[in-house]
């Protein structure tokens, strides 16, 4: 606490003595970029023929979003909820939930590098500029195929953004300090940045018998990046090194009778995670094309104790992507990108107390690409194709008994898009795309099931949408309707420790989404987003029970986020003062395929106040879940004598955040 107070005093002194004031910079303005980097061709948001959402840095700062699950509800149909430990966070996007703990349907990228699922619980990069959410299969754009969508985190590279950033927040649930130094090393085009992050989160659970506080988490992160990008040079090369350490007892489970009291079942649940991420991104601009190489290594050691049973696992992944992309000014009638991708993953899991161990090696090779033909000044046609080969080897041992299995899976995923500019303000599009999630073997395996492979999951997506600006561009609207059919849907069956992943049949998702922003006055901005996804089994052949028509697990039937921001009229000498509030609605969600256990719909109310005494200083007062609503994010049946056990969402949080930059 003394460190926090000292830091607040340091920032208060900086506010008082900074030579830069609003009076001196009132004529300056900053226009937020509408370029969607995720398209790989830096397409304007209004011209991208797929449902897309950009989440700005300002939005993340105002509500003190620190990690991936803080993005929950910030894009239509996007639900990110804790499931066990946060590295297993369930990401559901437009009816596509991540039932596989280890290979999510929705992938996360940082600056074009795919992230290991172990990063789902860590802090967002300090230099985050914006977050882009692309819906549906994206295999023709990205090295690793994504069947449900992509969350792409874009950062300010060394040499971009502020030279110095310092941020700290204090609330009833967490304490955070983060900072970044960004400097040029001479005049040779060499830049360097160093950033660090410290996040201490307080648990909200009590021991059922001990009464002790449970659920604390401590996250430490450090990252260094070196970039060579000489002025007027075709080269841009960046090396990044990042290390994360997390210690947490967040994985607590509450019996139904103690739901509102948050009293956790008396077993040991804790983990430590060490994650190392290295990346090398190099690009060279020729006259008409850019050639890029993206290389990454990610290694994690996850020492987990769940229900008093040690369950350590480790994973090491190497990826290599080569890509060629046409430059925007190169051709008048077409543009394109094409790439090759390679990935090698080694995974191991053990339960020493049960004499159980399993290992897997997964190798992926893919070719992908797409091209757009500008038929007229209004009509575009895009075609794409992805080819995949996935080879998996697995072995498992239990009490001295060992077994092995191996298999290879191939898939082809096409894409076809028509985009039409009705007017300068309105664009419509229609698309068909496919995605494939590889088959394989259950990661947490025993000799009895190690040679039982499951087939690839095939997704077919149909979508139509419209994007428009109205009322002198004060009103922006985007809407889409979609139908997604999945064959050989992958779902966990059985009971631990012999639970296994298998193909259970077919599912369908029928939905509609809506996103809007309205500048009602010079001071008042309104926004609303809504998504409805009817995701259900259309053929279920895993058991004799007919589950046709049941909702697929972990998919909220509907989600909505409605809010406003108002710039308060204050004297210029005070700076800028704005108020924001929103209501985040999550519809009914089932936790099992039988549709017996569910979380009913609920609404979270949030609000905040931002004061900018100077253009380089922000003071944010924020409140999340102001009504202190209790709701479940994960649940399973613990068996006779235990019944249903729940994990709960975050309770009320009130905090203040200070940000200083130069």
Foldseek 3Di string as FASTA:
>chain_A
DVVVVVVVVVVVVCLVPPPFFCVVCVVDDDDAAQFDCLQVFRDGVQFDAFDKDKAFPVNCVQFVQWADQSCAQVGFQWHWFDAQDQLQIWTTRQQQIQQASFDGLEWEEEPQHTDGSSRRRATDDPQFGIKMKTAAWDQQRHQDTHGGTYIYTYGAAQVDDFQKKWKWKDWPFKTKIKMKGHDADPQQQKIKMKMKIWMWTFADAAAQPPRDGFWIKIKIKIKMKMWHDHPPFQKIKMKMKMKMKMKTRNRFWDFPVCQVVRHGYPFGWIKMKIKIKIWMKMWGDDPWKIKIKIKMKMKMWIFIQDRNWTKIKIKIKIKIKIKMWTHPPRDDFKTKMKMKMKMWMKMKIDGVVQQKIKIKIKIKIKIWMKMWTRPDVFKIKMKMKMKMKMKMKMKMETPHDIDIAIDMAIDMKMKIKMKGDPDPFKIKMKMKIKTKAAKYWFRLAHRVGRHPIAGIKIKIKIKIKMWGADDVRQKTKIKMWMKMKIAQDWHWDDDPPHIIIYRFGMKMKTKMKMWMWGPPDPFKIWIKIKMAIQIFGCGGHPDPDDLHSFHDAPRFRMKMKIKMKGWDDDDSQQPTKMKIKIKIKTAKGAQDSNRPHIKHIDIKIKMKMWGPRRPFKIKIWIKISQVQDWTFSHWDQPDPPRGIITNTDDGIMTMMMMMGGD
